[in-house]
Amino acid sequence: MNELGDMAAAQRPLHALNRLGFGPRPGDVAAVAASGTNAYIAQQLHPQSIAVPDSLRQRIASYRTLHMSPGALFYEYQLPIIQTQRAYRDDKDALQRALPELRKKGRVVYLEASDARLLRAIEGPRQLQEVMTAFWFNHFNVFVGKGFDRFWIGSFEQDAIRPNTLGRFRTLLGATAKHPAMLFYLDNWENTQPDSPGAKNRFEGINENYARELMELHTLGVDGGYTQQDVIALAHILTGWGLPNGRGNFNNGGEARRRPFSGLDLDRHLHFGAMPAGDQPFTSAQFFFFDADRHDFSTKVLLGETIDGGGIAEGERALDLLAQHPSTAKHLSYQLAQYFVADDPPKALVARMAERYLQTDGHIGAMLETMFNSHEFWAREYYASKFKTPYEYVISAARASGAPVTNFRPLYGTMALLGMPLYGCQTPNGYSNTRDAWLNPDAMMARLSFATALSRGNLPLEHPPFLEDDAMAAGGDAEPKPPPVPTAKNPDAGAKSVRFDYLANRAPAVPKMTPPDPQQVAMTLGNNFSIDTRAAVEAANPDLRSALLLGSPEFMKR
């Protein structure tokens, strides 16, 4: 690939590390330069070939909730809330006393998902897989603050997104379509044919939310050639795609139809492991439920193709049509090229990627290979042209510092402060990855404060997670107090719960992390700095030199 484009040879290793990953850690630039960018890219495109350190595997395995099925998560964290609400339905004061502790217990799901995401992004060697996990989660965005999704957000990433980041798009599309986090977030679990036997209570009409976003955002794109009639047809095709309600075939009518699991027999299902064989709606494989009683079995026409009434098979056929459509190939190619190459990606590159998508039956890795093996990707004009999002900036700074992170709270707290709370985008279109969305004076000041805190060792990254800063400053101990999960009313909860005193320009009362060595930071980043930046660093006090590097115009871009 080195013969492609007009980018200088010295720039290529850092370019590859910044685009295929979240920037270099100490020694990465030299390693990629030694092995060659060809070898690095080929390896990243096949993450299974990259060994994961045992220490990282063990830390990921320690996040218990990350490996639980959606039903098990519901049973452990939401069911006690339902039981309490039922037990105290006539005693509001007792209910208000009991609920906060139960909800606090459930925050562990958000915290473990967040920690695992950042741990893999900062320390994981499979950098392209981590970039694509974040990319596809954003593409198929769900909001952690909406109802039951606060318990399903980690499972959605772990089970639906992560295994399918570089495979066939149709597999990824199907996994997201059937995951309870998506079914709940975009309301398809309520989607019901009005005159069907199951049309009762809240299940009494068509809900077009998921069908519209499935075409506009997930597949065809806003200009993908579909009509409102196609949205309506797709919504009818997807009637009955939803969640189990608790017992038997999970269709209990009445109370059971008002929300997922509301018909659960609490006495019978009190202990997850004791449920009778064949009657466990909480296993991962059985969690998605097609309710034939709420489905529209009539013939539909979607994108010009007639689809006969056939139950769940109709939905599978619709997903096939959407995944195979040329508009989907173009839309996904544009999105990927915008992320990896330029805010306004080259049209010729997008066209070639779309062609490769159609030739390979929607193989994501093949599209990426076409892009990475293009003159455009290695064009000098696109070097360091992408402005980092808050997520990319914070992770790349942590990687460049080389700091061993055990407490991720200051990192995702800073992301929230910068307007990009992890799992906190309320709208289904996800966060923007373009310069205009993130470059503003307030954000730059916050980034510089973060860089200063990191360079002076003020961030408690090496302390036990969630330890209160006030107690550390006083030299005492504190009860761990995890931050609240973002909600629709308070999407920046993670930021507001974190004391940002350590972002002030003062030394910490006690050491919180080892300050990064500025010479090491400069070497890690390939000494890729302008004359002005170099002069400012040389003139600064030693404890501010890393801050000037991590807050420089060069480091703000990738």
Foldseek 3Di string as FASTA:
>chain_A
DVVFADFDLLQVQQLLCVQLFLGFFFPRSVVCSVVDVVVLLVCLLPVVVDDWDPVLVVLLVVLPLLPFALLVLCLPQVVVLVVLCVVCVVPVVVNVVPPVVSQLVLQSQVVSLVVNLLSCRQPNPSGNLSVLLVLVCQLQAFFCFPPSSVSCVSVCSNPQRSVPSQFFLLSSLVSSLQGQRSCVRQVLQLAFPQPFQLCDDSNHHFRLRVLVCCCCRVFQHPPNPFDVLLSVLLSLLSWQWHFAQAWDLSRDPDQSSPDRVSPHPCVQPVDQVPHDPPTRCRDNVNGTHRDPRGHDQCWGAHPNDIDGRDGNVSNSVVSLCRSLRLSRLLVVLQSSQCSRFHVRGDPVLSVVLSVQCNVVVRRRSSSVVSVVPHSRSSHNVRRLHFFAQLLSLLSNLSSLLNWDFQACLVSLLLNLVQPHRVSLDSDRNGDDRHDVRRDDDVSLVSQLLVLLLQQQQLDLRPDHYQWALVQVLVVHGDDRRQFRDAHPVRSSRSNVVHDVPSSDNDHGSDGRTDRGFLVSSCVSSVVPDDPVLVVVLVPDDRSCNSSSVSSDPSNSTD
